[in-house]
Amino acid sequence: MGKVVATINVVPEGVETDLEKIKIEIEKVVPPQAEIHQIKEEPIAFGLVSLKVFVTLEDAAGGTDPIEKAFSTIKGVRRVETVDVRRLL
């Protein structure tokens, strides 16, 4: 097994949602087997901005499910979706 980098899209409930608070909570709830590499803001439409969270973790059974579940518990988050997983060399 090796390491992978996963790109996880975190969509807030609305344009008034404080993205800085969500970023702080993401850092707090990330499971111990994963490490946050980077968090980028990405405009969607009509002022709504999502967060692209780049996470490194071991390539193991279950994949990003524990991370998605942890991020989904954050207040102000509407949807969490893994959009890409790539093996690190």
PDB file of N, CA and C in Angstrom:
ATOM      1  N   MET A   1       0.828  -1.185   0.000  1.00  0.00           N
ATOM      2  CA  MET A   1       0.000   0.000   0.000  1.00  0.00           C
ATOM      3  C   MET A   1       0.871   1.246   0.000  1.00  0.00           C
ATOM      4  N   GLY A   2       0.313   2.307  -0.557  1.00  0.00           N
ATOM      5  CA  GLY A   2       1.013   3.578  -0.583  1.00  0.00           C
ATOM      6  C   GLY A   2       0.109   4.681  -0.082  1.00  0.00           C
ATOM      7  N   LYS A   3       0.544   5.883  -0.334  1.00  0.00           N
ATOM      8  CA  LYS A   3      -0.258   7.047   0.065  1.00  0.00           C
ATOM      9  C   LYS A   3      -1.009   7.578  -1.145  1.00  0.00           C
ATOM     10  N   VAL A   4      -2.148   8.191  -0.866  1.00  0.00           N
ATOM     11  CA  VAL A   4      -2.943   8.833  -1.904  1.00  0.00           C
ATOM     12  C   VAL A   4      -3.258  10.254  -1.463  1.00  0.00           C
ATOM     13  N   VAL A   5      -3.568  11.083  -2.446  1.00  0.00           N
ATOM     14  CA  VAL A   5      -4.076  12.424  -2.152  1.00  0.00           C
ATOM     15  C   VAL A   5      -5.506  12.465  -2.685  1.00  0.00           C
ATOM     16  N   ALA A   6      -6.424  12.862  -1.825  1.00  0.00           N
ATOM     17  CA  ALA A   6      -7.832  12.951  -2.188  1.00  0.00           C
ATOM     18  C   ALA A   6      -8.246  14.415  -2.215  1.00  0.00           C
ATOM     19  N   THR A   7      -9.051  14.753  -3.211  1.00  0.00           N
ATOM     20  CA  THR A   7      -9.633  16.089  -3.297  1.00  0.00           C
ATOM     21  C   THR A   7     -11.086  15.968  -2.864  1.00  0.00           C
ATOM     22  N   ILE A   8     -11.429  16.673  -1.806  1.00  0.00           N
ATOM     23  CA  ILE A   8     -12.775  16.593  -1.250  1.00  0.00           C
ATOM     24  C   ILE A   8     -13.430  17.964  -1.353  1.00  0.00           C
ATOM     25  N   ASN A   9     -14.604  17.988  -1.971  1.00  0.00           N
ATOM     26  CA  ASN A   9     -15.353  19.225  -2.153  1.00  0.00           C
ATOM     27  C   ASN A   9     -16.316  19.399  -0.977  1.00  0.00           C
ATOM     28  N   VAL A  10     -16.208  20.521  -0.284  1.00  0.00           N
ATOM     29  CA  VAL A  10     -17.076  20.832   0.852  1.00  0.00           C
ATOM     30  C   VAL A  10     -17.920  22.045   0.469  1.00  0.00           C
ATOM     31  N   VAL A  11     -19.239  21.835   0.400  1.00  0.00           N
ATOM     32  CA  VAL A  11     -20.154  22.905  -0.008  1.00  0.00           C
ATOM     33  C   VAL A  11     -20.882  23.443   1.229  1.00  0.00           C
ATOM     34  N   PRO A  12     -20.802  24.759   1.467  1.00  0.00           N
ATOM     35  CA  PRO A  12     -21.494  25.347   2.624  1.00  0.00           C
ATOM     36  C   PRO A  12     -22.996  25.447   2.382  1.00  0.00           C
ATOM     37  N   GLU A  13     -23.733  25.708   3.460  1.00  0.00           N
ATOM     38  CA  GLU A  13     -25.189  25.827   3.364  1.00  0.00           C
ATOM     39  C   GLU A  13     -25.632  27.039   2.556  1.00  0.00           C
ATOM     40  N   GLY A  14     -24.853  28.109   2.561  1.00  0.00           N
ATOM     41  CA  GLY A  14     -25.252  29.301   1.823  1.00  0.00           C
ATOM     42  C   GLY A  14     -24.130  30.308   1.742  1.00  0.00           C
ATOM     43  N   VAL A  15     -24.394  31.419   1.059  1.00  0.00           N
ATOM     44  CA  VAL A  15     -23.371  32.447   0.864  1.00  0.00           C
ATOM     45  C   VAL A  15     -23.008  33.148   2.173  1.00  0.00           C
ATOM     46  N   GLU A  16     -23.916  33.124   3.147  1.00  0.00           N
ATOM     47  CA  GLU A  16     -23.652  33.787   4.424  1.00  0.00           C
ATOM     48  C   GLU A  16     -22.838  32.919   5.387  1.00  0.00           C
ATOM     49  N   THR A  17     -22.591  31.668   5.031  1.00  0.00           N
ATOM     50  CA  THR A  17     -21.831  30.759   5.892  1.00  0.00           C
ATOM     51  C   THR A  17     -20.376  31.216   5.980  1.00  0.00           C
ATOM     52  N   ASP A  18     -19.836  31.245   7.186  1.00  0.00           N
ATOM     53  CA  ASP A  18     -18.463  31.685   7.433  1.00  0.00           C
ATOM     54  C   ASP A  18     -17.486  30.569   7.050  1.00  0.00           C
ATOM     55  N   LEU A  19     -16.804  30.730   5.921  1.00  0.00           N
ATOM     56  CA  LEU A  19     -15.874  29.713   5.432  1.00  0.00           C
ATOM     57  C   LEU A  19     -14.658  29.559   6.335  1.00  0.00           C
ATOM     58  N   GLU A  20     -14.254  30.637   6.987  1.00  0.00           N
ATOM     59  CA  GLU A  20     -13.091  30.554   7.885  1.00  0.00           C
ATOM     60  C   GLU A  20     -13.392  29.631   9.067  1.00  0.00           C
ATOM     61  N   LYS A  21     -14.605  29.690   9.591  1.00  0.00           N
ATOM     62  CA  LYS A  21     -14.998  28.794  10.683  1.00  0.00           C
ATOM     63  C   LYS A  21     -15.010  27.346  10.204  1.00  0.00           C
ATOM     64  N   ILE A  22     -15.498  27.126   8.989  1.00  0.00           N
ATOM     65  CA  ILE A  22     -15.518  25.766   8.442  1.00  0.00           C
ATOM     66  C   ILE A  22     -14.094  25.249   8.270  1.00  0.00           C
ATOM     67  N   LYS A  23     -13.189  26.095   7.793  1.00  0.00           N
ATOM     68  CA  LYS A  23     -11.788  25.680   7.631  1.00  0.00           C
ATOM     69  C   LYS A  23     -11.180  25.259   8.965  1.00  0.00           C
ATOM     70  N   ILE A  24     -11.457  26.030  10.008  1.00  0.00           N
ATOM     71  CA  ILE A  24     -10.937  25.708  11.343  1.00  0.00           C
ATOM     72  C   ILE A  24     -11.503  24.370  11.820  1.00  0.00           C
ATOM     73  N   GLU A  25     -12.801  24.167  11.610  1.00  0.00           N
ATOM     74  CA  GLU A  25     -13.433  22.915  12.030  1.00  0.00           C
ATOM     75  C   GLU A  25     -12.902  21.724  11.234  1.00  0.00           C
ATOM     76  N   ILE A  26     -12.623  21.919   9.950  1.00  0.00           N
ATOM     77  CA  ILE A  26     -12.050  20.843   9.133  1.00  0.00           C
ATOM     78  C   ILE A  26     -10.737  20.380   9.747  1.00  0.00           C
ATOM     79  N   GLU A  27      -9.901  21.328  10.141  1.00  0.00           N
ATOM     80  CA  GLU A  27      -8.613  20.990  10.768  1.00  0.00           C
ATOM     81  C   GLU A  27      -8.819  20.212  12.068  1.00  0.00           C
ATOM     82  N   LYS A  28      -9.891  20.523  12.803  1.00  0.00           N
ATOM     83  CA  LYS A  28     -10.151  19.870  14.089  1.00  0.00           C
ATOM     84  C   LYS A  28     -10.680  18.446  13.929  1.00  0.00           C
ATOM     85  N   VAL A  29     -11.543  18.215  12.930  1.00  0.00           N
ATOM     86  CA  VAL A  29     -12.229  16.918  12.828  1.00  0.00           C
ATOM     87  C   VAL A  29     -11.556  15.916  11.901  1.00  0.00           C
ATOM     88  N   VAL A  30     -10.504  16.319  11.204  1.00  0.00           N
ATOM     89  CA  VAL A  30      -9.861  15.379  10.283  1.00  0.00           C
ATOM     90  C   VAL A  30      -9.376  14.156  11.074  1.00  0.00           C
ATOM     91  N   PRO A  31      -9.695  12.940  10.607  1.00  0.00           N
ATOM     92  CA  PRO A  31      -9.276  11.725  11.316  1.00  0.00           C
ATOM     93  C   PRO A  31      -7.752  11.619  11.409  1.00  0.00           C
ATOM     94  N   PRO A  32      -7.240  10.914  12.418  1.00  0.00           N
ATOM     95  CA  PRO A  32      -5.789  10.832  12.628  1.00  0.00           C
ATOM     96  C   PRO A  32      -5.025  10.163  11.487  1.00  0.00           C
ATOM     97  N   GLN A  33      -5.692   9.313  10.698  1.00  0.00           N
ATOM     98  CA  GLN A  33      -5.003   8.640   9.597  1.00  0.00           C
ATOM     99  C   GLN A  33      -4.851   9.535   8.368  1.00  0.00           C
ATOM    100  N   ALA A  34      -5.389  10.746   8.430  1.00  0.00           N
ATOM    101  CA  ALA A  34      -5.335  11.671   7.297  1.00  0.00           C
ATOM    102  C   ALA A  34      -4.633  12.961   7.704  1.00  0.00           C
ATOM    103  N   GLU A  35      -4.138  13.663   6.687  1.00  0.00           N
ATOM    104  CA  GLU A  35      -3.449  14.934   6.923  1.00  0.00           C
ATOM    105  C   GLU A  35      -3.905  15.947   5.873  1.00  0.00           C
ATOM    106  N   ILE A  36      -4.306  17.130   6.337  1.00  0.00           N
ATOM    107  CA  ILE A  36      -4.711  18.200   5.425  1.00  0.00           C
ATOM    108  C   ILE A  36      -3.467  18.747   4.742  1.00  0.00           C
ATOM    109  N   HIS A  37      -3.490  18.745   3.412  1.00  0.00           N
ATOM    110  CA  HIS A  37      -2.372  19.300   2.650  1.00  0.00           C
ATOM    111  C   HIS A  37      -2.648  20.760   2.294  1.00  0.00           C
ATOM    112  N   GLN A  38      -3.889  21.027   1.847  1.00  0.00           N
ATOM    113  CA  GLN A  38      -4.235  22.378   1.401  1.00  0.00           C
ATOM    114  C   GLN A  38      -5.751  22.529   1.375  1.00  0.00           C
ATOM    115  N   ILE A  39      -6.220  23.756   1.596  1.00  0.00           N
ATOM    116  CA  ILE A  39      -7.639  24.084   1.452  1.00  0.00           C
ATOM    117  C   ILE A  39      -7.736  25.307   0.550  1.00  0.00           C
ATOM    118  N   LYS A  40      -8.484  25.158  -0.559  1.00  0.00           N
ATOM    119  CA  LYS A  40      -8.672  26.259  -1.511  1.00  0.00           C
ATOM    120  C   LYS A  40     -10.148  26.633  -1.590  1.00  0.00           C
ATOM    121  N   GLU A  41     -10.402  27.907  -1.801  1.00  0.00           N
ATOM    122  CA  GLU A  41     -11.764  28.371  -2.047  1.00  0.00           C
ATOM    123  C   GLU A  41     -12.013  28.368  -3.547  1.00  0.00           C
ATOM    124  N   GLU A  42     -13.203  27.875  -3.938  1.00  0.00           N
ATOM    125  CA  GLU A  42     -13.547  27.813  -5.358  1.00  0.00           C
ATOM    126  C   GLU A  42     -14.970  28.337  -5.567  1.00  0.00           C
ATOM    127  N   PRO A  43     -15.111  29.450  -6.308  1.00  0.00           N
ATOM    128  CA  PRO A  43     -16.446  29.987  -6.575  1.00  0.00           C
ATOM    129  C   PRO A  43     -17.304  28.986  -7.351  1.00  0.00           C
ATOM    130  N   ILE A  44     -18.583  28.885  -6.962  1.00  0.00           N
ATOM    131  CA  ILE A  44     -19.511  27.994  -7.664  1.00  0.00           C
ATOM    132  C   ILE A  44     -20.422  28.847  -8.547  1.00  0.00           C
ATOM    133  N   ALA A  45     -21.344  29.590  -7.915  1.00  0.00           N
ATOM    134  CA  ALA A  45     -22.262  30.466  -8.648  1.00  0.00           C
ATOM    135  C   ALA A  45     -23.019  31.348  -7.662  1.00  0.00           C
ATOM    136  N   PHE A  46     -23.447  32.509  -8.126  1.00  0.00           N
ATOM    137  CA  PHE A  46     -24.293  33.413  -7.339  1.00  0.00           C
ATOM    138  C   PHE A  46     -23.687  33.735  -5.969  1.00  0.00           C
ATOM    139  N   GLY A  47     -22.370  33.864  -5.907  1.00  0.00           N
ATOM    140  CA  GLY A  47     -21.696  34.217  -4.664  1.00  0.00           C
ATOM    141  C   GLY A  47     -21.362  33.047  -3.754  1.00  0.00           C
ATOM    142  N   LEU A  48     -21.826  31.847  -4.097  1.00  0.00           N
ATOM    143  CA  LEU A  48     -21.533  30.668  -3.282  1.00  0.00           C
ATOM    144  C   LEU A  48     -20.124  30.178  -3.585  1.00  0.00           C
ATOM    145  N   VAL A  49     -19.370  29.889  -2.539  1.00  0.00           N
ATOM    146  CA  VAL A  49     -17.985  29.436  -2.671  1.00  0.00           C
ATOM    147  C   VAL A  49     -17.840  28.109  -1.940  1.00  0.00           C
ATOM    148  N   SER A  50     -17.275  27.106  -2.630  1.00  0.00           N
ATOM    149  CA  SER A  50     -17.022  25.814  -1.984  1.00  0.00           C
ATOM    150  C   SER A  50     -15.563  25.746  -1.558  1.00  0.00           C
ATOM    151  N   LEU A  51     -15.247  24.750  -0.746  1.00  0.00           N
ATOM    152  CA  LEU A  51     -13.870  24.517  -0.325  1.00  0.00           C
ATOM    153  C   LEU A  51     -13.375  23.225  -0.955  1.00  0.00           C
ATOM    154  N   LYS A  52     -12.214  23.286  -1.585  1.00  0.00           N
ATOM    155  CA  LYS A  52     -11.531  22.095  -2.097  1.00  0.00           C
ATOM    156  C   LYS A  52     -10.485  21.739  -1.056  1.00  0.00           C
ATOM    157  N   VAL A  53     -10.652  20.588  -0.427  1.00  0.00           N
ATOM    158  CA  VAL A  53      -9.745  20.155   0.630  1.00  0.00           C
ATOM    159  C   VAL A  53      -8.885  19.023   0.078  1.00  0.00           C
ATOM    160  N   PHE A  54      -7.570  19.223   0.096  1.00  0.00           N
ATOM    161  CA  PHE A  54      -6.631  18.213  -0.382  1.00  0.00           C
ATOM    162  C   PHE A  54      -6.076  17.485   0.837  1.00  0.00           C
ATOM    163  N   VAL A  55      -6.318  16.172   0.892  1.00  0.00           N
ATOM    164  CA  VAL A  55      -5.976  15.361   2.052  1.00  0.00           C
ATOM    165  C   VAL A  55      -5.077  14.209   1.620  1.00  0.00           C
ATOM    166  N   THR A  56      -4.003  13.955   2.371  1.00  0.00           N
ATOM    167  CA  THR A  56      -3.174  12.775   2.113  1.00  0.00           C
ATOM    168  C   THR A  56      -3.510  11.720   3.162  1.00  0.00           C
ATOM    169  N   LEU A  57      -3.559  10.462   2.708  1.00  0.00           N
ATOM    170  CA  LEU A  57      -3.866   9.351   3.592  1.00  0.00           C
ATOM    171  C   LEU A  57      -3.347   8.054   2.997  1.00  0.00           C
ATOM    172  N   GLU A  58      -3.314   7.007   3.812  1.00  0.00           N
ATOM    173  CA  GLU A  58      -2.890   5.697   3.341  1.00  0.00           C
ATOM    174  C   GLU A  58      -3.958   5.128   2.419  1.00  0.00           C
ATOM    175  N   ASP A  59      -3.521   4.425   1.379  1.00  0.00           N
ATOM    176  CA  ASP A  59      -4.431   3.754   0.459  1.00  0.00           C
ATOM    177  C   ASP A  59      -4.906   2.476   1.146  1.00  0.00           C
ATOM    178  N   ALA A  60      -6.063   2.532   1.781  1.00  0.00           N
ATOM    179  CA  ALA A  60      -6.568   1.400   2.552  1.00  0.00           C
ATOM    180  C   ALA A  60      -8.074   1.261   2.348  1.00  0.00           C
ATOM    181  N   ALA A  61      -8.601   0.152   2.829  1.00  0.00           N
ATOM    182  CA  ALA A  61     -10.036  -0.094   2.735  1.00  0.00           C
ATOM    183  C   ALA A  61     -10.795   1.026   3.445  1.00  0.00           C
ATOM    184  N   GLY A  62     -11.913   1.404   2.881  1.00  0.00           N
ATOM    185  CA  GLY A  62     -12.709   2.487   3.466  1.00  0.00           C
ATOM    186  C   GLY A  62     -12.414   3.824   2.835  1.00  0.00           C
ATOM    187  N   GLY A  63     -11.198   3.979   2.324  1.00  0.00           N
ATOM    188  CA  GLY A  63     -10.816   5.186   1.603  1.00  0.00           C
ATOM    189  C   GLY A  63     -11.146   6.474   2.326  1.00  0.00           C
ATOM    190  N   THR A  64     -11.914   7.315   1.660  1.00  0.00           N
ATOM    191  CA  THR A  64     -12.214   8.646   2.187  1.00  0.00           C
ATOM    192  C   THR A  64     -13.512   8.701   2.991  1.00  0.00           C
ATOM    193  N   ASP A  65     -14.195   7.573   3.154  1.00  0.00           N
ATOM    194  CA  ASP A  65     -15.474   7.573   3.878  1.00  0.00           C
ATOM    195  C   ASP A  65     -15.385   8.195   5.275  1.00  0.00           C
ATOM    196  N   PRO A  66     -14.381   7.823   6.104  1.00  0.00           N
ATOM    197  CA  PRO A  66     -14.310   8.438   7.437  1.00  0.00           C
ATOM    198  C   PRO A  66     -14.101   9.956   7.382  1.00  0.00           C
ATOM    199  N   ILE A  67     -13.371  10.413   6.380  1.00  0.00           N
ATOM    200  CA  ILE A  67     -13.122  11.849   6.239  1.00  0.00           C
ATOM    201  C   ILE A  67     -14.410  12.563   5.839  1.00  0.00           C
ATOM    202  N   GLU A  68     -15.123  12.005   4.863  1.00  0.00           N
ATOM    203  CA  GLU A  68     -16.388  12.598   4.430  1.00  0.00           C
ATOM    204  C   GLU A  68     -17.380  12.673   5.590  1.00  0.00           C
ATOM    205  N   LYS A  69     -17.465  11.597   6.367  1.00  0.00           N
ATOM    206  CA  LYS A  69     -18.391  11.583   7.511  1.00  0.00           C
ATOM    207  C   LYS A  69     -18.004  12.646   8.536  1.00  0.00           C
ATOM    208  N   ALA A  70     -16.710  12.784   8.805  1.00  0.00           N
ATOM    209  CA  ALA A  70     -16.242  13.789   9.773  1.00  0.00           C
ATOM    210  C   ALA A  70     -16.561  15.196   9.291  1.00  0.00           C
ATOM    211  N   PHE A  71     -16.291  15.484   8.019  1.00  0.00           N
ATOM    212  CA  PHE A  71     -16.558  16.813   7.474  1.00  0.00           C
ATOM    213  C   PHE A  71     -18.057  17.112   7.450  1.00  0.00           C
ATOM    214  N   SER A  72     -18.880  16.085   7.252  1.00  0.00           N
ATOM    215  CA  SER A  72     -20.334  16.272   7.194  1.00  0.00           C
ATOM    216  C   SER A  72     -20.926  16.699   8.530  1.00  0.00           C
ATOM    217  N   THR A  73     -20.204  16.456   9.626  1.00  0.00           N
ATOM    218  CA  THR A  73     -20.713  16.816  10.954  1.00  0.00           C
ATOM    219  C   THR A  73     -20.523  18.295  11.278  1.00  0.00           C
ATOM    220  N   ILE A  74     -19.779  19.009  10.448  1.00  0.00           N
ATOM    221  CA  ILE A  74     -19.476  20.417  10.710  1.00  0.00           C
ATOM    222  C   ILE A  74     -20.710  21.283  10.453  1.00  0.00           C
ATOM    223  N   LYS A  75     -21.007  22.152  11.415  1.00  0.00           N
ATOM    224  CA  LYS A  75     -22.145  23.067  11.272  1.00  0.00           C
ATOM    225  C   LYS A  75     -21.882  24.020  10.106  1.00  0.00           C
ATOM    226  N   GLY A  76     -22.889  24.173   9.244  1.00  0.00           N
ATOM    227  CA  GLY A  76     -22.763  25.066   8.099  1.00  0.00           C
ATOM    228  C   GLY A  76     -22.380  24.357   6.814  1.00  0.00           C
ATOM    229  N   VAL A  77     -22.141  23.046   6.886  1.00  0.00           N
ATOM    230  CA  VAL A  77     -21.774  22.273   5.694  1.00  0.00           C
ATOM    231  C   VAL A  77     -23.018  21.593   5.143  1.00  0.00           C
ATOM    232  N   ARG A  78     -23.288  21.821   3.862  1.00  0.00           N
ATOM    233  CA  ARG A  78     -24.444  21.212   3.209  1.00  0.00           C
ATOM    234  C   ARG A  78     -24.091  19.860   2.596  1.00  0.00           C
ATOM    235  N   ARG A  79     -22.919  19.788   1.918  1.00  0.00           N
ATOM    236  CA  ARG A  79     -22.582  18.568   1.181  1.00  0.00           C
ATOM    237  C   ARG A  79     -21.078  18.364   1.178  1.00  0.00           C
ATOM    238  N   VAL A  80     -20.666  17.088   1.232  1.00  0.00           N
ATOM    239  CA  VAL A  80     -19.258  16.715   1.165  1.00  0.00           C
ATOM    240  C   VAL A  80     -19.133  15.606   0.128  1.00  0.00           C
ATOM    241  N   GLU A  81     -18.179  15.762  -0.797  1.00  0.00           N
ATOM    242  CA  GLU A  81     -18.037  14.791  -1.879  1.00  0.00           C
ATOM    243  C   GLU A  81     -16.571  14.662  -2.280  1.00  0.00           C
ATOM    244  N   THR A  82     -16.099  13.424  -2.365  1.00  0.00           N
ATOM    245  CA  THR A  82     -14.754  13.180  -2.878  1.00  0.00           C
ATOM    246  C   THR A  82     -14.822  13.264  -4.396  1.00  0.00           C
ATOM    247  N   VAL A  83     -14.009  14.141  -4.987  1.00  0.00           N
ATOM    248  CA  VAL A  83     -14.057  14.342  -6.433  1.00  0.00           C
ATOM    249  C   VAL A  83     -12.845  13.764  -7.159  1.00  0.00           C
ATOM    250  N   ASP A  84     -11.776  13.431  -6.417  1.00  0.00           N
ATOM    251  CA  ASP A  84     -10.581  12.885  -7.066  1.00  0.00           C
ATOM    252  C   ASP A  84      -9.710  12.183  -6.030  1.00  0.00           C
ATOM    253  N   VAL A  85      -9.113  11.061  -6.437  1.00  0.00           N
ATOM    254  CA  VAL A  85      -8.146  10.353  -5.601  1.00  0.00           C
ATOM    255  C   VAL A  85      -7.004   9.926  -6.508  1.00  0.00           C
ATOM    256  N   ARG A  86      -5.782  10.273  -6.115  1.00  0.00           N
ATOM    257  CA  ARG A  86      -4.598   9.928  -6.916  1.00  0.00           C
ATOM    258  C   ARG A  86      -3.514   9.354  -6.018  1.00  0.00           C
ATOM    259  N   ARG A  87      -2.819   8.358  -6.536  1.00  0.00           N
ATOM    260  CA  ARG A  87      -1.727   7.730  -5.795  1.00  0.00           C
ATOM    261  C   ARG A  87      -0.495   8.625  -5.844  1.00  0.00           C
ATOM    262  N   LEU A  88       0.158   8.772  -4.694  1.00  0.00           N
ATOM    263  CA  LEU A  88       1.410   9.525  -4.621  1.00  0.00           C
ATOM    264  C   LEU A  88       2.564   8.583  -4.928  1.00  0.00           C
ATOM    265  N   LEU A  89       3.521   9.077  -5.669  1.00  0.00           N
ATOM    266  CA  LEU A  89       4.689   8.249  -6.002  1.00  0.00           C
ATOM    267  C   LEU A  89       5.868   8.616  -5.148  1.00  0.00           C
TER     268      LEU A  89
END
